[in-house]
Amino acid sequence: MPEHLLALLEWTAVALNVAFTLCIAWEKRIGWMFGFVAGCIGVGLYALAHTWAMSALNGYYIVMAVYGWWRWGQREDGRIRVQSWAFHAVVVPAGLLLAFGAAVLLGQYLNGSYPHLDAFVTVFSFIATCGACSEPRQ
């Protein structure tokens, strides 16, 4: 693929992810569409870079964008979730252990590029996404 096309796709994904983040922060449902398209682009770009965990993460984001679009269409209050310090005290060390294990797998068995960074970003992105989906603290 020509370098100028890759650069265009990368910048398009960046712009769409910024739009997604702002829309979700302002609780605008249209943000999920931006996230869906950015995820589709991300799957391909990360696969080309051999960062397999990030490619899988973007696949997960595609699924979550569909779920988010559907769920936010139900007009529920309290979409944004806040987690307790106890949640973080358990999840952060567990995430570090998972990231280390994933990095070993990515590096040794999948010959991935940047396995430690790939694993760290992916594990904590999953945690952040799943943590936002759980019940809010009271």
C-alpha atoms as a PDB file:
ATOM      1  CA  MET A   1       0.000   0.000   0.000  1.00  0.00           C
ATOM      2  CA  PRO A   2       1.430   3.428  -0.908  1.00  0.00           C
ATOM      3  CA  GLU A   3       2.803   5.481   1.977  1.00  0.00           C
ATOM      4  CA  HIS A   4       0.562   8.473   1.233  1.00  0.00           C
ATOM      5  CA  LEU A   5      -2.546   6.260   1.467  1.00  0.00           C
ATOM      6  CA  LEU A   6      -1.361   4.798   4.792  1.00  0.00           C
ATOM      7  CA  ALA A   7      -0.745   8.308   6.131  1.00  0.00           C
ATOM      8  CA  LEU A   8      -4.202   9.424   4.982  1.00  0.00           C
ATOM      9  CA  LEU A   9      -5.812   6.436   6.708  1.00  0.00           C
ATOM     10  CA  GLU A  10      -3.831   7.060   9.902  1.00  0.00           C
ATOM     11  CA  TRP A  11      -4.835  10.722  10.054  1.00  0.00           C
ATOM     12  CA  THR A  12      -8.433   9.859   9.253  1.00  0.00           C
ATOM     13  CA  ALA A  13      -8.472   7.357  12.119  1.00  0.00           C
ATOM     14  CA  VAL A  14      -6.941   9.964  14.449  1.00  0.00           C
ATOM     15  CA  ALA A  15      -9.568  12.558  13.507  1.00  0.00           C
ATOM     16  CA  LEU A  16     -12.398  10.053  13.891  1.00  0.00           C
ATOM     17  CA  ASN A  17     -11.097   8.917  17.286  1.00  0.00           C
ATOM     18  CA  VAL A  18     -10.869  12.528  18.487  1.00  0.00           C
ATOM     19  CA  ALA A  19     -14.436  13.110  17.275  1.00  0.00           C
ATOM     20  CA  PHE A  20     -15.510   9.876  19.008  1.00  0.00           C
ATOM     21  CA  THR A  21     -13.891  10.905  22.297  1.00  0.00           C
ATOM     22  CA  LEU A  22     -15.433  14.378  22.270  1.00  0.00           C
ATOM     23  CA  CYS A  23     -18.884  13.119  21.335  1.00  0.00           C
ATOM     24  CA  ILE A  24     -18.839  10.444  24.039  1.00  0.00           C
ATOM     25  CA  ALA A  25     -17.610  12.982  26.616  1.00  0.00           C
ATOM     26  CA  TRP A  26     -20.558  15.210  25.641  1.00  0.00           C
ATOM     27  CA  GLU A  27     -22.799  12.099  25.585  1.00  0.00           C
ATOM     28  CA  LYS A  28     -23.702  12.462  21.908  1.00  0.00           C
ATOM     29  CA  ARG A  29     -24.781   9.193  20.353  1.00  0.00           C
ATOM     30  CA  ILE A  30     -23.264  10.019  16.950  1.00  0.00           C
ATOM     31  CA  GLY A  31     -19.839   9.449  18.524  1.00  0.00           C
ATOM     32  CA  TRP A  32     -20.354   5.698  18.290  1.00  0.00           C
ATOM     33  CA  MET A  33     -20.452   5.970  14.483  1.00  0.00           C
ATOM     34  CA  PHE A  34     -17.105   7.773  14.491  1.00  0.00           C
ATOM     35  CA  GLY A  35     -15.705   5.061  16.755  1.00  0.00           C
ATOM     36  CA  PHE A  36     -17.032   2.316  14.476  1.00  0.00           C
ATOM     37  CA  VAL A  37     -15.333   3.701  11.370  1.00  0.00           C
ATOM     38  CA  ALA A  38     -12.109   4.468  13.256  1.00  0.00           C
ATOM     39  CA  GLY A  39     -12.099   0.897  14.588  1.00  0.00           C
ATOM     40  CA  CYS A  40     -12.480  -0.532  11.089  1.00  0.00           C
ATOM     41  CA  ILE A  41      -9.527   1.515   9.879  1.00  0.00           C
ATOM     42  CA  GLY A  42      -7.530   0.586  12.986  1.00  0.00           C
ATOM     43  CA  VAL A  43      -7.968  -3.163  12.485  1.00  0.00           C
ATOM     44  CA  GLY A  44      -6.325  -2.953   9.079  1.00  0.00           C
ATOM     45  CA  LEU A  45      -3.580  -0.512   9.991  1.00  0.00           C
ATOM     46  CA  TYR A  46      -2.520  -2.401  13.110  1.00  0.00           C
ATOM     47  CA  ALA A  47      -2.566  -5.711  11.252  1.00  0.00           C
ATOM     48  CA  LEU A  48      -0.267  -4.225   8.608  1.00  0.00           C
ATOM     49  CA  ALA A  49       2.089  -3.147  11.417  1.00  0.00           C
ATOM     50  CA  HIS A  50       2.007  -6.643  12.992  1.00  0.00           C
ATOM     51  CA  THR A  51       0.644  -5.259  16.263  1.00  0.00           C
ATOM     52  CA  TRP A  52      -1.858  -8.058  16.648  1.00  0.00           C
ATOM     53  CA  ALA A  53      -3.239  -7.136  20.049  1.00  0.00           C
ATOM     54  CA  MET A  54      -4.027  -3.594  18.917  1.00  0.00           C
ATOM     55  CA  SER A  55      -5.711  -4.976  15.809  1.00  0.00           C
ATOM     56  CA  ALA A  56      -7.845  -7.254  18.005  1.00  0.00           C
ATOM     57  CA  LEU A  57      -8.576  -4.328  20.334  1.00  0.00           C
ATOM     58  CA  ASN A  58      -9.898  -2.320  17.413  1.00  0.00           C
ATOM     59  CA  GLY A  59     -12.084  -5.269  16.442  1.00  0.00           C
ATOM     60  CA  TYR A  60     -13.449  -5.165  19.981  1.00  0.00           C
ATOM     61  CA  TYR A  61     -14.040  -1.418  19.594  1.00  0.00           C
ATOM     62  CA  ILE A  62     -16.102  -2.113  16.476  1.00  0.00           C
ATOM     63  CA  VAL A  63     -18.322  -4.467  18.465  1.00  0.00           C
ATOM     64  CA  MET A  64     -18.532  -1.976  21.349  1.00  0.00           C
ATOM     65  CA  ALA A  65     -19.468   0.820  18.939  1.00  0.00           C
ATOM     66  CA  VAL A  66     -22.438  -1.208  17.732  1.00  0.00           C
ATOM     67  CA  TYR A  67     -23.383  -2.019  21.332  1.00  0.00           C
ATOM     68  CA  GLY A  68     -22.912   1.607  22.439  1.00  0.00           C
ATOM     69  CA  TRP A  69     -25.028   2.921  19.571  1.00  0.00           C
ATOM     70  CA  TRP A  70     -27.793   0.461  20.449  1.00  0.00           C
ATOM     71  CA  ARG A  71     -27.557   0.978  24.227  1.00  0.00           C
ATOM     72  CA  TRP A  72     -27.459   4.764  24.066  1.00  0.00           C
ATOM     73  CA  GLY A  73     -30.545   4.661  21.847  1.00  0.00           C
ATOM     74  CA  GLN A  74     -32.490   3.411  24.850  1.00  0.00           C
ATOM     75  CA  ARG A  75     -32.303   6.843  26.493  1.00  0.00           C
ATOM     76  CA  GLU A  76     -30.985   5.774  29.883  1.00  0.00           C
ATOM     77  CA  ASP A  77     -29.539   8.245  32.353  1.00  0.00           C
ATOM     78  CA  GLY A  78     -26.090   7.866  33.894  1.00  0.00           C
ATOM     79  CA  ARG A  79     -24.106   6.662  30.906  1.00  0.00           C
ATOM     80  CA  ILE A  80     -20.741   7.730  32.309  1.00  0.00           C
ATOM     81  CA  ARG A  81     -19.411   5.428  35.044  1.00  0.00           C
ATOM     82  CA  VAL A  82     -16.977   6.212  37.860  1.00  0.00           C
ATOM     83  CA  GLN A  83     -15.081   3.405  39.594  1.00  0.00           C
ATOM     84  CA  SER A  84     -13.890   3.313  43.204  1.00  0.00           C
ATOM     85  CA  TRP A  85     -10.276   3.384  44.384  1.00  0.00           C
ATOM     86  CA  ALA A  86     -10.656  -0.238  45.514  1.00  0.00           C
ATOM     87  CA  PHE A  87     -11.541  -1.238  41.949  1.00  0.00           C
ATOM     88  CA  HIS A  88      -8.340   0.427  40.705  1.00  0.00           C
ATOM     89  CA  ALA A  89      -6.231  -1.077  43.499  1.00  0.00           C
ATOM     90  CA  VAL A  90      -7.172  -4.553  42.257  1.00  0.00           C
ATOM     91  CA  VAL A  91      -7.346  -3.934  38.530  1.00  0.00           C
ATOM     92  CA  VAL A  92      -4.058  -2.071  37.980  1.00  0.00           C
ATOM     93  CA  PRO A  93      -1.749  -4.804  39.385  1.00  0.00           C
ATOM     94  CA  ALA A  94      -3.831  -7.492  37.648  1.00  0.00           C
ATOM     95  CA  GLY A  95      -3.565  -5.525  34.404  1.00  0.00           C
ATOM     96  CA  LEU A  96       0.209  -5.297  34.729  1.00  0.00           C
ATOM     97  CA  LEU A  97       0.453  -9.068  35.175  1.00  0.00           C
ATOM     98  CA  LEU A  98      -1.858  -9.679  32.220  1.00  0.00           C
ATOM     99  CA  ALA A  99       0.100  -7.234  30.077  1.00  0.00           C
ATOM    100  CA  PHE A 100       3.372  -8.971  30.899  1.00  0.00           C
ATOM    101  CA  GLY A 101       1.927 -12.389  30.025  1.00  0.00           C
ATOM    102  CA  ALA A 102       0.398 -11.077  26.825  1.00  0.00           C
ATOM    103  CA  ALA A 103       3.707  -9.465  25.836  1.00  0.00           C
ATOM    104  CA  VAL A 104       5.481 -12.805  26.192  1.00  0.00           C
ATOM    105  CA  LEU A 105       2.856 -14.494  24.001  1.00  0.00           C
ATOM    106  CA  LEU A 106       2.908 -11.720  21.401  1.00  0.00           C
ATOM    107  CA  GLY A 107       6.694 -11.658  21.206  1.00  0.00           C
ATOM    108  CA  GLN A 108       7.452 -15.373  21.261  1.00  0.00           C
ATOM    109  CA  TYR A 109       4.527 -16.938  19.444  1.00  0.00           C
ATOM    110  CA  LEU A 110       3.126 -14.266  17.128  1.00  0.00           C
ATOM    111  CA  ASN A 111       6.375 -12.468  16.287  1.00  0.00           C
ATOM    112  CA  GLY A 112       4.580  -9.186  16.949  1.00  0.00           C
ATOM    113  CA  SER A 113       6.084  -5.735  16.699  1.00  0.00           C
ATOM    114  CA  TYR A 114       6.585  -3.901  20.014  1.00  0.00           C
ATOM    115  CA  PRO A 115       5.022  -6.708  22.062  1.00  0.00           C
ATOM    116  CA  HIS A 116       5.346  -5.000  25.469  1.00  0.00           C
ATOM    117  CA  LEU A 117       3.799  -1.723  24.354  1.00  0.00           C
ATOM    118  CA  ASP A 118       1.179  -3.553  22.289  1.00  0.00           C
ATOM    119  CA  ALA A 119       0.185  -5.726  25.250  1.00  0.00           C
ATOM    120  CA  PHE A 120       0.187  -2.885  27.801  1.00  0.00           C
ATOM    121  CA  VAL A 121      -1.990  -0.558  25.734  1.00  0.00           C
ATOM    122  CA  THR A 122      -4.362  -3.352  24.756  1.00  0.00           C
ATOM    123  CA  VAL A 123      -4.843  -4.804  28.247  1.00  0.00           C
ATOM    124  CA  PHE A 124      -5.472  -1.435  29.875  1.00  0.00           C
ATOM    125  CA  SER A 125      -7.744  -0.337  27.030  1.00  0.00           C
ATOM    126  CA  PHE A 126      -9.854  -3.458  27.565  1.00  0.00           C
ATOM    127  CA  ILE A 127      -9.915  -2.763  31.300  1.00  0.00           C
ATOM    128  CA  ALA A 128     -10.960   0.849  30.767  1.00  0.00           C
ATOM    129  CA  THR A 129     -13.702  -0.143  28.353  1.00  0.00           C
ATOM    130  CA  CYS A 130     -15.013  -2.992  30.512  1.00  0.00           C
ATOM    131  CA  GLY A 131     -14.757  -0.908  33.681  1.00  0.00           C
ATOM    132  CA  ALA A 132     -16.907   1.767  32.080  1.00  0.00           C
ATOM    133  CA  CYS A 133     -19.551  -0.838  31.306  1.00  0.00           C
ATOM    134  CA  SER A 134     -19.899  -2.124  34.859  1.00  0.00           C
ATOM    135  CA  GLU A 135     -22.249  -0.793  37.492  1.00  0.00           C
ATOM    136  CA  PRO A 136     -21.502   2.675  38.880  1.00  0.00           C
ATOM    137  CA  ARG A 137     -20.434   3.075  42.477  1.00  0.00           C
ATOM    138  CA  GLN A 138     -23.034   4.306  44.905  1.00  0.00           C
END
